[in-house]
Amino acid sequence: RLSCATSGFTFERYGFGWFRQAPGKGREGVACINRDGDEIN
């Protein structure tokens, strides 16, 4: 389980994404969640 701890902004107003990058490859979008938590892709 990865955690992303945040500070310095109004958390509830932001959407978030997780990305990954393997050696020699481009950055891939893995998952995202919107600010309300009711849309996840």
PDB file of all heavy atoms in Angstrom:
ATOM      1  N   ARG A   1       0.841  -1.180   0.000  1.00  0.00           N
ATOM      2  CA  ARG A   1       0.000   0.000   0.000  1.00  0.00           C
ATOM      3  C   ARG A   1       0.883   1.239   0.000  1.00  0.00           C
ATOM      4  O   ARG A   1       1.659   1.443   0.934  1.00  0.00           O
ATOM      5  CB  ARG A   1      -0.947   0.033   1.196  1.00  0.00           C
ATOM      6  CG  ARG A   1      -1.960   1.177   1.086  1.00  0.00           C
ATOM      7  CD  ARG A   1      -2.955   1.218   2.217  1.00  0.00           C
ATOM      8  NE  ARG A   1      -2.398   1.796   3.418  1.00  0.00           N
ATOM      9  CZ  ARG A   1      -3.139   2.319   4.404  1.00  0.00           C
ATOM     10  NH1 ARG A   1      -4.459   2.331   4.299  1.00  0.00           N
ATOM     11  NH2 ARG A   1      -2.552   2.805   5.475  1.00  0.00           N
ATOM     12  N   LEU A   2       0.738   2.036  -1.024  1.00  0.00           N
ATOM     13  CA  LEU A   2       1.434   3.317  -1.097  1.00  0.00           C
ATOM     14  C   LEU A   2       0.578   4.399  -0.454  1.00  0.00           C
ATOM     15  O   LEU A   2      -0.645   4.390  -0.588  1.00  0.00           O
ATOM     16  CB  LEU A   2       1.736   3.689  -2.539  1.00  0.00           C
ATOM     17  CG  LEU A   2       2.625   2.729  -3.333  1.00  0.00           C
ATOM     18  CD1 LEU A   2       2.826   3.256  -4.750  1.00  0.00           C
ATOM     19  CD2 LEU A   2       3.951   2.516  -2.646  1.00  0.00           C
ATOM     20  N   SER A   3       1.243   5.311   0.222  1.00  0.00           N
ATOM     21  CA  SER A   3       0.584   6.478   0.787  1.00  0.00           C
ATOM     22  C   SER A   3       1.191   7.736   0.194  1.00  0.00           C
ATOM     23  O   SER A   3       2.396   7.772  -0.105  1.00  0.00           O
ATOM     24  CB  SER A   3       0.753   6.507   2.309  1.00  0.00           C
ATOM     25  OG  SER A   3       0.182   5.376   2.916  1.00  0.00           O
ATOM     26  N   CYS A   4       0.364   8.745   0.047  1.00  0.00           N
ATOM     27  CA  CYS A   4       0.816  10.057  -0.414  1.00  0.00           C
ATOM     28  C   CYS A   4       0.339  11.076   0.617  1.00  0.00           C
ATOM     29  O   CYS A   4      -0.834  11.457   0.619  1.00  0.00           O
ATOM     30  CB  CYS A   4       0.258  10.361  -1.789  1.00  0.00           C
ATOM     31  SG  CYS A   4       0.642  12.010  -2.414  1.00  0.00           S
ATOM     32  N   ALA A   5       1.232  11.461   1.500  1.00  0.00           N
ATOM     33  CA  ALA A   5       0.912  12.454   2.515  1.00  0.00           C
ATOM     34  C   ALA A   5       1.072  13.845   1.926  1.00  0.00           C
ATOM     35  O   ALA A   5       2.049  14.113   1.213  1.00  0.00           O
ATOM     36  CB  ALA A   5       1.832  12.278   3.717  1.00  0.00           C
ATOM     37  N   THR A   6       0.107  14.713   2.221  1.00  0.00           N
ATOM     38  CA  THR A   6       0.127  16.038   1.606  1.00  0.00           C
ATOM     39  C   THR A   6       0.108  17.140   2.656  1.00  0.00           C
ATOM     40  O   THR A   6      -0.317  16.926   3.804  1.00  0.00           O
ATOM     41  CB  THR A   6      -1.080  16.226   0.680  1.00  0.00           C
ATOM     42  OG1 THR A   6      -2.260  16.416   1.458  1.00  0.00           O
ATOM     43  CG2 THR A   6      -1.270  15.033  -0.242  1.00  0.00           C
ATOM     44  N   SER A   7       0.549  18.323   2.246  1.00  0.00           N
ATOM     45  CA  SER A   7       0.492  19.492   3.116  1.00  0.00           C
ATOM     46  C   SER A   7       0.598  20.738   2.263  1.00  0.00           C
ATOM     47  O   SER A   7       1.039  20.681   1.111  1.00  0.00           O
ATOM     48  CB  SER A   7       1.625  19.461   4.143  1.00  0.00           C
ATOM     49  OG  SER A   7       2.880  19.491   3.490  1.00  0.00           O
ATOM     50  N   GLY A   8       0.151  21.859   2.849  1.00  0.00           N
ATOM     51  CA  GLY A   8       0.332  23.140   2.188  1.00  0.00           C
ATOM     52  C   GLY A   8      -0.771  23.565   1.249  1.00  0.00           C
ATOM     53  O   GLY A   8      -0.619  24.572   0.546  1.00  0.00           O
ATOM     54  N   PHE A   9      -1.891  22.852   1.220  1.00  0.00           N
ATOM     55  CA  PHE A   9      -2.991  23.254   0.348  1.00  0.00           C
ATOM     56  C   PHE A   9      -4.295  22.665   0.874  1.00  0.00           C
ATOM     57  O   PHE A   9      -4.300  21.831   1.788  1.00  0.00           O
ATOM     58  CB  PHE A   9      -2.740  22.804  -1.094  1.00  0.00           C
ATOM     59  CG  PHE A   9      -2.643  21.312  -1.274  1.00  0.00           C
ATOM     60  CD1 PHE A   9      -3.696  20.592  -1.802  1.00  0.00           C
ATOM     61  CD2 PHE A   9      -1.489  20.616  -0.930  1.00  0.00           C
ATOM     62  CE1 PHE A   9      -3.611  19.220  -1.987  1.00  0.00           C
ATOM     63  CE2 PHE A   9      -1.388  19.237  -1.107  1.00  0.00           C
ATOM     64  CZ  PHE A   9      -2.451  18.548  -1.634  1.00  0.00           C
ATOM     65  N   THR A  10      -5.412  23.113   0.295  1.00  0.00           N
ATOM     66  CA  THR A  10      -6.733  22.639   0.712  1.00  0.00           C
ATOM     67  C   THR A  10      -7.022  21.324   0.029  1.00  0.00           C
ATOM     68  O   THR A  10      -7.450  21.273  -1.133  1.00  0.00           O
ATOM     69  CB  THR A  10      -7.814  23.677   0.373  1.00  0.00           C
ATOM     70  OG1 THR A  10      -7.466  24.933   0.953  1.00  0.00           O
ATOM     71  CG2 THR A  10      -9.168  23.226   0.911  1.00  0.00           C
ATOM     72  N   PHE A  11      -6.770  20.268   0.746  1.00  0.00           N
ATOM     73  CA  PHE A  11      -6.801  18.905   0.197  1.00  0.00           C
ATOM     74  C   PHE A  11      -8.110  18.616  -0.537  1.00  0.00           C
ATOM     75  O   PHE A  11      -8.107  18.035  -1.618  1.00  0.00           O
ATOM     76  CB  PHE A  11      -6.596  17.918   1.348  1.00  0.00           C
ATOM     77  CG  PHE A  11      -6.517  16.481   0.940  1.00  0.00           C
ATOM     78  CD1 PHE A  11      -5.312  15.928   0.542  1.00  0.00           C
ATOM     79  CD2 PHE A  11      -7.651  15.672   1.000  1.00  0.00           C
ATOM     80  CE1 PHE A  11      -5.230  14.586   0.189  1.00  0.00           C
ATOM     81  CE2 PHE A  11      -7.575  14.330   0.660  1.00  0.00           C
ATOM     82  CZ  PHE A  11      -6.361  13.784   0.246  1.00  0.00           C
ATOM     83  N   GLU A  12      -9.222  19.043   0.034  1.00  0.00           N
ATOM     84  CA  GLU A  12     -10.542  18.691  -0.501  1.00  0.00           C
ATOM     85  C   GLU A  12     -10.809  19.300  -1.875  1.00  0.00           C
ATOM     86  O   GLU A  12     -11.737  18.878  -2.561  1.00  0.00           O
ATOM     87  CB  GLU A  12     -11.629  19.155   0.472  1.00  0.00           C
ATOM     88  CG  GLU A  12     -11.635  18.452   1.817  1.00  0.00           C
ATOM     89  CD  GLU A  12     -10.605  19.034   2.791  1.00  0.00           C
ATOM     90  OE1 GLU A  12      -9.867  19.969   2.415  1.00  0.00           O
ATOM     91  OE2 GLU A  12     -10.559  18.541   3.926  1.00  0.00           O
ATOM     92  N   ARG A  13     -10.028  20.268  -2.275  1.00  0.00           N
ATOM     93  CA  ARG A  13     -10.244  20.918  -3.561  1.00  0.00           C
ATOM     94  C   ARG A  13      -9.415  20.308  -4.684  1.00  0.00           C
ATOM     95  O   ARG A  13      -9.448  20.806  -5.813  1.00  0.00           O
ATOM     96  CB  ARG A  13      -9.927  22.410  -3.455  1.00  0.00           C
ATOM     97  CG  ARG A  13     -10.893  23.167  -2.568  1.00  0.00           C
ATOM     98  CD  ARG A  13     -10.652  24.651  -2.649  1.00  0.00           C
ATOM     99  NE  ARG A  13     -11.600  25.416  -1.836  1.00  0.00           N
ATOM    100  CZ  ARG A  13     -11.643  26.738  -1.808  1.00  0.00           C
ATOM    101  NH1 ARG A  13     -10.820  27.447  -2.549  1.00  0.00           N
ATOM    102  NH2 ARG A  13     -12.523  27.350  -1.042  1.00  0.00           N
ATOM    103  N   TYR A  14      -8.667  19.252  -4.368  1.00  0.00           N
ATOM    104  CA  TYR A  14      -7.756  18.679  -5.349  1.00  0.00           C
ATOM    105  C   TYR A  14      -8.134  17.247  -5.710  1.00  0.00           C
ATOM    106  O   TYR A  14      -8.588  16.476  -4.861  1.00  0.00           O
ATOM    107  CB  TYR A  14      -6.325  18.682  -4.805  1.00  0.00           C
ATOM    108  CG  TYR A  14      -5.682  20.042  -4.857  1.00  0.00           C
ATOM    109  CD1 TYR A  14      -6.075  21.044  -3.980  1.00  0.00           C
ATOM    110  CD2 TYR A  14      -4.693  20.329  -5.788  1.00  0.00           C
ATOM    111  CE1 TYR A  14      -5.499  22.306  -4.044  1.00  0.00           C
ATOM    112  CE2 TYR A  14      -4.107  21.577  -5.856  1.00  0.00           C
ATOM    113  CZ  TYR A  14      -4.515  22.560  -4.979  1.00  0.00           C
ATOM    114  OH  TYR A  14      -3.942  23.802  -5.033  1.00  0.00           O
ATOM    115  N   GLY A  15      -7.930  16.948  -6.988  1.00  0.00           N
ATOM    116  CA  GLY A  15      -7.958  15.569  -7.434  1.00  0.00           C
ATOM    117  C   GLY A  15      -6.538  15.029  -7.472  1.00  0.00           C
ATOM    118  O   GLY A  15      -5.563  15.806  -7.514  1.00  0.00           O
ATOM    119  N   PHE A  16      -6.412  13.710  -7.448  1.00  0.00           N
ATOM    120  CA  PHE A  16      -5.095  13.088  -7.348  1.00  0.00           C
ATOM    121  C   PHE A  16      -4.947  11.940  -8.333  1.00  0.00           C
ATOM    122  O   PHE A  16      -5.919  11.270  -8.688  1.00  0.00           O
ATOM    123  CB  PHE A  16      -4.879  12.547  -5.926  1.00  0.00           C
ATOM    124  CG  PHE A  16      -4.822  13.619  -4.891  1.00  0.00           C
ATOM    125  CD1 PHE A  16      -5.975  14.066  -4.267  1.00  0.00           C
ATOM    126  CD2 PHE A  16      -3.606  14.210  -4.559  1.00  0.00           C
ATOM    127  CE1 PHE A  16      -5.921  15.081  -3.321  1.00  0.00           C
ATOM    128  CE2 PHE A  16      -3.546  15.216  -3.621  1.00  0.00           C
ATOM    129  CZ  PHE A  16      -4.712  15.652  -2.998  1.00  0.00           C
ATOM    130  N   GLY A  17      -3.711  11.762  -8.742  1.00  0.00           N
ATOM    131  CA  GLY A  17      -3.397  10.645  -9.613  1.00  0.00           C
ATOM    132  C   GLY A  17      -2.163   9.913  -9.116  1.00  0.00           C
ATOM    133  O   GLY A  17      -1.310  10.500  -8.446  1.00  0.00           O
ATOM    134  N   TRP A  18      -2.096   8.636  -9.430  1.00  0.00           N
ATOM    135  CA  TRP A  18      -0.881   7.841  -9.236  1.00  0.00           C
ATOM    136  C   TRP A  18      -0.336   7.492 -10.623  1.00  0.00           C
ATOM    137  O   TRP A  18      -1.085   7.044 -11.498  1.00  0.00           O
ATOM    138  CB  TRP A  18      -1.166   6.563  -8.462  1.00  0.00           C
ATOM    139  CG  TRP A  18      -1.347   6.756  -6.990  1.00  0.00           C
ATOM    140  CD1 TRP A  18      -2.526   6.855  -6.304  1.00  0.00           C
ATOM    141  CD2 TRP A  18      -0.305   6.863  -6.012  1.00  0.00           C
ATOM    142  NE1 TRP A  18      -2.287   7.016  -4.966  1.00  0.00           N
ATOM    143  CE2 TRP A  18      -0.929   7.022  -4.757  1.00  0.00           C
ATOM    144  CE3 TRP A  18       1.088   6.832  -6.061  1.00  0.00           C
ATOM    145  CZ2 TRP A  18      -0.209   7.154  -3.562  1.00  0.00           C
ATOM    146  CZ3 TRP A  18       1.794   6.960  -4.887  1.00  0.00           C
ATOM    147  CH2 TRP A  18       1.158   7.125  -3.654  1.00  0.00           C
ATOM    148  N   PHE A  19       0.971   7.670 -10.751  1.00  0.00           N
ATOM    149  CA  PHE A  19       1.668   7.355 -11.987  1.00  0.00           C
ATOM    150  C   PHE A  19       2.839   6.433 -11.668  1.00  0.00           C
ATOM    151  O   PHE A  19       3.270   6.347 -10.510  1.00  0.00           O
ATOM    152  CB  PHE A  19       2.207   8.646 -12.631  1.00  0.00           C
ATOM    153  CG  PHE A  19       1.135   9.592 -13.091  1.00  0.00           C
ATOM    154  CD1 PHE A  19       0.462  10.400 -12.189  1.00  0.00           C
ATOM    155  CD2 PHE A  19       0.805   9.676 -14.420  1.00  0.00           C
ATOM    156  CE1 PHE A  19      -0.533  11.273 -12.612  1.00  0.00           C
ATOM    157  CE2 PHE A  19      -0.182  10.547 -14.865  1.00  0.00           C
ATOM    158  CZ  PHE A  19      -0.848  11.342 -13.956  1.00  0.00           C
ATOM    159  N   ARG A  20       3.360   5.805 -12.686  1.00  0.00           N
ATOM    160  CA  ARG A  20       4.549   4.994 -12.485  1.00  0.00           C
ATOM    161  C   ARG A  20       5.451   5.088 -13.702  1.00  0.00           C
ATOM    162  O   ARG A  20       4.992   5.325 -14.817  1.00  0.00           O
ATOM    163  CB  ARG A  20       4.195   3.536 -12.201  1.00  0.00           C
ATOM    164  CG  ARG A  20       3.543   2.790 -13.363  1.00  0.00           C
ATOM    165  CD  ARG A  20       3.106   1.405 -12.917  1.00  0.00           C
ATOM    166  NE  ARG A  20       2.495   0.640 -13.997  1.00  0.00           N
ATOM    167  CZ  ARG A  20       1.950  -0.563 -13.845  1.00  0.00           C
ATOM    168  NH1 ARG A  20       1.926  -1.140 -12.641  1.00  0.00           N
ATOM    169  NH2 ARG A  20       1.413  -1.195 -14.890  1.00  0.00           N
ATOM    170  N   GLN A  21       6.740   4.880 -13.454  1.00  0.00           N
ATOM    171  CA  GLN A  21       7.708   4.905 -14.541  1.00  0.00           C
ATOM    172  C   GLN A  21       8.722   3.799 -14.313  1.00  0.00           C
ATOM    173  O   GLN A  21       9.451   3.808 -13.318  1.00  0.00           O
ATOM    174  CB  GLN A  21       8.407   6.258 -14.621  1.00  0.00           C
ATOM    175  CG  GLN A  21       9.290   6.405 -15.847  1.00  0.00           C
ATOM    176  CD  GLN A  21       9.659   7.847 -16.118  1.00  0.00           C
ATOM    177  OE1 GLN A  21       9.512   8.721 -15.267  1.00  0.00           O
ATOM    178  NE2 GLN A  21      10.121   8.125 -17.324  1.00  0.00           N
ATOM    179  N   ALA A  22       8.745   2.863 -15.233  1.00  0.00           N
ATOM    180  CA  ALA A  22       9.709   1.768 -15.197  1.00  0.00           C
ATOM    181  C   ALA A  22      10.979   2.202 -15.930  1.00  0.00           C
ATOM    182  O   ALA A  22      10.929   3.100 -16.784  1.00  0.00           O
ATOM    183  CB  ALA A  22       9.117   0.527 -15.847  1.00  0.00           C
ATOM    184  N   PRO A  23      12.098   1.584 -15.621  1.00  0.00           N
ATOM    185  CA  PRO A  23      13.360   1.953 -16.292  1.00  0.00           C
ATOM    186  C   PRO A  23      13.231   1.856 -17.802  1.00  0.00           C
ATOM    187  O   PRO A  23      12.748   0.849 -18.331  1.00  0.00           O
ATOM    188  CB  PRO A  23      14.355   0.922 -15.741  1.00  0.00           C
ATOM    189  CG  PRO A  23      13.793   0.520 -14.422  1.00  0.00           C
ATOM    190  CD  PRO A  23      12.305   0.558 -14.594  1.00  0.00           C
ATOM    191  N   GLY A  24      13.629   2.927 -18.492  1.00  0.00           N
ATOM    192  CA  GLY A  24      13.610   2.922 -19.949  1.00  0.00           C
ATOM    193  C   GLY A  24      12.242   3.119 -20.573  1.00  0.00           C
ATOM    194  O   GLY A  24      12.105   3.042 -21.801  1.00  0.00           O
ATOM    195  N   LYS A  25      11.236   3.411 -19.750  1.00  0.00           N
ATOM    196  CA  LYS A  25       9.880   3.582 -20.276  1.00  0.00           C
ATOM    197  C   LYS A  25       9.330   4.947 -19.899  1.00  0.00           C
ATOM    198  O   LYS A  25       9.853   5.616 -19.010  1.00  0.00           O
ATOM    199  CB  LYS A  25       8.964   2.477 -19.747  1.00  0.00           C
ATOM    200  CG  LYS A  25       9.331   1.080 -20.226  1.00  0.00           C
ATOM    201  CD  LYS A  25       8.274   0.066 -19.846  1.00  0.00           C
ATOM    202  CE  LYS A  25       8.604  -1.305 -20.398  1.00  0.00           C
ATOM    203  NZ  LYS A  25       7.550  -2.312 -20.043  1.00  0.00           N
ATOM    204  N   GLY A  26       8.252   5.337 -20.560  1.00  0.00           N
ATOM    205  CA  GLY A  26       7.603   6.598 -20.238  1.00  0.00           C
ATOM    206  C   GLY A  26       6.757   6.481 -18.987  1.00  0.00           C
ATOM    207  O   GLY A  26       6.539   5.397 -18.454  1.00  0.00           O
ATOM    208  N   ARG A  27       6.284   7.625 -18.514  1.00  0.00           N
ATOM    209  CA  ARG A  27       5.454   7.647 -17.315  1.00  0.00           C
ATOM    210  C   ARG A  27       4.029   7.242 -17.679  1.00  0.00           C
ATOM    211  O   ARG A  27       3.438   7.778 -18.613  1.00  0.00           O
ATOM    212  CB  ARG A  27       5.492   9.038 -16.691  1.00  0.00           C
ATOM    213  CG  ARG A  27       4.922   9.094 -15.293  1.00  0.00           C
ATOM    214  CD  ARG A  27       5.234  10.408 -14.626  1.00  0.00           C
ATOM    215  NE  ARG A  27       6.666  10.579 -14.380  1.00  0.00           N
ATOM    216  CZ  ARG A  27       7.174  11.610 -13.717  1.00  0.00           C
ATOM    217  NH1 ARG A  27       6.371  12.561 -13.255  1.00  0.00           N
ATOM    218  NH2 ARG A  27       8.469  11.706 -13.532  1.00  0.00           N
ATOM    219  N   GLU A  28       3.491   6.324 -16.907  1.00  0.00           N
ATOM    220  CA  GLU A  28       2.157   5.765 -17.159  1.00  0.00           C
ATOM    221  C   GLU A  28       1.191   6.178 -16.059  1.00  0.00           C
ATOM    222  O   GLU A  28       1.512   6.041 -14.868  1.00  0.00           O
ATOM    223  CB  GLU A  28       2.243   4.232 -17.208  1.00  0.00           C
ATOM    224  CG  GLU A  28       0.905   3.531 -17.349  1.00  0.00           C
ATOM    225  CD  GLU A  28       0.992   2.018 -17.153  1.00  0.00           C
ATOM    226  OE1 GLU A  28       2.010   1.538 -16.608  1.00  0.00           O
ATOM    227  OE2 GLU A  28       0.032   1.327 -17.533  1.00  0.00           O
ATOM    228  N   GLY A  29       0.027   6.640 -16.430  1.00  0.00           N
ATOM    229  CA  GLY A  29      -1.012   6.933 -15.457  1.00  0.00           C
ATOM    230  C   GLY A  29      -1.663   5.649 -14.980  1.00  0.00           C
ATOM    231  O   GLY A  29      -2.125   4.853 -15.805  1.00  0.00           O
ATOM    232  N   VAL A  30      -1.714   5.445 -13.689  1.00  0.00           N
ATOM    233  CA  VAL A  30      -2.186   4.185 -13.113  1.00  0.00           C
ATOM    234  C   VAL A  30      -3.610   4.304 -12.593  1.00  0.00           C
ATOM    235  O   VAL A  30      -4.459   3.461 -12.885  1.00  0.00           O
ATOM    236  CB  VAL A  30      -1.243   3.754 -11.971  1.00  0.00           C
ATOM    237  CG1 VAL A  30      -1.807   2.557 -11.236  1.00  0.00           C
ATOM    238  CG2 VAL A  30       0.141   3.452 -12.507  1.00  0.00           C
ATOM    239  N   ALA A  31      -3.873   5.347 -11.810  1.00  0.00           N
ATOM    240  CA  ALA A  31      -5.187   5.506 -11.188  1.00  0.00           C
ATOM    241  C   ALA A  31      -5.378   6.961 -10.814  1.00  0.00           C
ATOM    242  O   ALA A  31      -4.408   7.684 -10.579  1.00  0.00           O
ATOM    243  CB  ALA A  31      -5.314   4.626  -9.952  1.00  0.00           C
ATOM    244  N   CYS A  32      -6.637   7.383 -10.748  1.00  0.00           N
ATOM    245  CA  CYS A  32      -6.918   8.740 -10.294  1.00  0.00           C
ATOM    246  C   CYS A  32      -8.233   8.760  -9.534  1.00  0.00           C
ATOM    247  O   CYS A  32      -9.083   7.868  -9.675  1.00  0.00           O
ATOM    248  CB  CYS A  32      -6.940   9.733 -11.452  1.00  0.00           C
ATOM    249  SG  CYS A  32      -8.259   9.474 -12.651  1.00  0.00           S
ATOM    250  N   ILE A  33      -8.371   9.811  -8.712  1.00  0.00           N
ATOM    251  CA  ILE A  33      -9.583  10.016  -7.943  1.00  0.00           C
ATOM    252  C   ILE A  33      -9.883  11.511  -7.950  1.00  0.00           C
ATOM    253  O   ILE A  33      -8.979  12.335  -7.782  1.00  0.00           O
ATOM    254  CB  ILE A  33      -9.418   9.464  -6.504  1.00  0.00           C
ATOM    255  CG1 ILE A  33     -10.722   9.545  -5.730  1.00  0.00           C
ATOM    256  CG2 ILE A  33      -8.279  10.159  -5.754  1.00  0.00           C
ATOM    257  CD1 ILE A  33     -10.694   8.729  -4.435  1.00  0.00           C
ATOM    258  N   ASN A  34     -11.149  11.857  -8.145  1.00  0.00           N
ATOM    259  CA  ASN A  34     -11.468  13.284  -8.233  1.00  0.00           C
ATOM    260  C   ASN A  34     -11.601  13.897  -6.846  1.00  0.00           C
ATOM    261  O   ASN A  34     -11.488  13.206  -5.821  1.00  0.00           O
ATOM    262  CB  ASN A  34     -12.724  13.499  -9.070  1.00  0.00           C
ATOM    263  CG  ASN A  34     -13.999  13.026  -8.389  1.00  0.00           C
ATOM    264  OD1 ASN A  34     -13.943  12.212  -7.466  1.00  0.00           O
ATOM    265  ND2 ASN A  34     -15.129  13.537  -8.818  1.00  0.00           N
ATOM    266  N   ARG A  35     -11.860  15.196  -6.788  1.00  0.00           N
ATOM    267  CA  ARG A  35     -11.841  15.903  -5.508  1.00  0.00           C
ATOM    268  C   ARG A  35     -12.942  15.430  -4.574  1.00  0.00           C
ATOM    269  O   ARG A  35     -12.795  15.464  -3.361  1.00  0.00           O
ATOM    270  CB  ARG A  35     -11.939  17.410  -5.731  1.00  0.00           C
ATOM    271  CG  ARG A  35     -13.246  17.868  -6.326  1.00  0.00           C
ATOM    272  CD  ARG A  35     -13.228  19.365  -6.573  1.00  0.00           C
ATOM    273  NE  ARG A  35     -14.503  19.881  -7.071  1.00  0.00           N
ATOM    274  CZ  ARG A  35     -14.860  19.903  -8.322  1.00  0.00           C
ATOM    275  NH1 ARG A  35     -14.044  19.430  -9.246  1.00  0.00           N
ATOM    276  NH2 ARG A  35     -16.027  20.389  -8.677  1.00  0.00           N
ATOM    277  N   ASP A  36     -14.068  14.985  -5.134  1.00  0.00           N
ATOM    278  CA  ASP A  36     -15.183  14.527  -4.304  1.00  0.00           C
ATOM    279  C   ASP A  36     -15.089  13.047  -3.957  1.00  0.00           C
ATOM    280  O   ASP A  36     -15.892  12.548  -3.164  1.00  0.00           O
ATOM    281  CB  ASP A  36     -16.505  14.786  -5.017  1.00  0.00           C
ATOM    282  CG  ASP A  36     -16.776  16.263  -5.196  1.00  0.00           C
ATOM    283  OD1 ASP A  36     -16.353  17.057  -4.330  1.00  0.00           O
ATOM    284  OD2 ASP A  36     -17.382  16.641  -6.217  1.00  0.00           O
ATOM    285  N   GLY A  37     -14.158  12.362  -4.583  1.00  0.00           N
ATOM    286  CA  GLY A  37     -13.995  10.936  -4.315  1.00  0.00           C
ATOM    287  C   GLY A  37     -15.039  10.066  -4.973  1.00  0.00           C
ATOM    288  O   GLY A  37     -15.096   8.856  -4.706  1.00  0.00           O
ATOM    289  N   ASP A  38     -15.861  10.631  -5.868  1.00  0.00           N
ATOM    290  CA  ASP A  38     -16.921   9.843  -6.487  1.00  0.00           C
ATOM    291  C   ASP A  38     -16.646   9.487  -7.941  1.00  0.00           C
ATOM    292  O   ASP A  38     -17.513   8.905  -8.608  1.00  0.00           O
ATOM    293  CB  ASP A  38     -18.273  10.551  -6.357  1.00  0.00           C
ATOM    294  CG  ASP A  38     -18.272  11.934  -6.986  1.00  0.00           C
ATOM    295  OD1 ASP A  38     -17.248  12.330  -7.571  1.00  0.00           O
ATOM    296  OD2 ASP A  38     -19.301  12.632  -6.866  1.00  0.00           O
ATOM    297  N   GLU A  39     -15.486   9.849  -8.429  1.00  0.00           N
ATOM    298  CA  GLU A  39     -15.058   9.337  -9.729  1.00  0.00           C
ATOM    299  C   GLU A  39     -13.647   8.800  -9.598  1.00  0.00           C
ATOM    300  O   GLU A  39     -12.738   9.498  -9.128  1.00  0.00           O
ATOM    301  CB  GLU A  39     -15.102  10.395 -10.827  1.00  0.00           C
ATOM    302  CG  GLU A  39     -14.628   9.836 -12.172  1.00  0.00           C
ATOM    303  CD  GLU A  39     -15.066  10.638 -13.377  1.00  0.00           C
ATOM    304  OE1 GLU A  39     -15.885  11.563 -13.215  1.00  0.00           O
ATOM    305  OE2 GLU A  39     -14.587  10.317 -14.480  1.00  0.00           O
ATOM    306  N   ILE A  40     -13.477   7.566 -10.003  1.00  0.00           N
ATOM    307  CA  ILE A  40     -12.198   6.869  -9.926  1.00  0.00           C
ATOM    308  C   ILE A  40     -11.969   6.161 -11.246  1.00  0.00           C
ATOM    309  O   ILE A  40     -12.895   5.523 -11.778  1.00  0.00           O
ATOM    310  CB  ILE A  40     -12.194   5.849  -8.770  1.00  0.00           C
ATOM    311  CG1 ILE A  40     -12.204   6.572  -7.414  1.00  0.00           C
ATOM    312  CG2 ILE A  40     -11.015   4.917  -8.874  1.00  0.00           C
ATOM    313  CD1 ILE A  40     -12.357   5.645  -6.221  1.00  0.00           C
ATOM    314  N   ASN A  41     -10.773   6.273 -11.766  1.00  0.00           N
ATOM    315  CA  ASN A  41     -10.438   5.638 -13.033  1.00  0.00           C
ATOM    316  C   ASN A  41      -9.096   4.922 -12.928  1.00  0.00           C
ATOM    317  O   ASN A  41      -8.203   5.364 -12.206  1.00  0.00           O
ATOM    318  CB  ASN A  41     -10.379   6.673 -14.151  1.00  0.00           C
ATOM    319  CG  ASN A  41     -11.706   7.372 -14.345  1.00  0.00           C
ATOM    320  OD1 ASN A  41     -12.726   6.729 -14.563  1.00  0.00           O
ATOM    321  ND2 ASN A  41     -11.726   8.686 -14.260  1.00  0.00           N
TER     322      ASN A  41
END
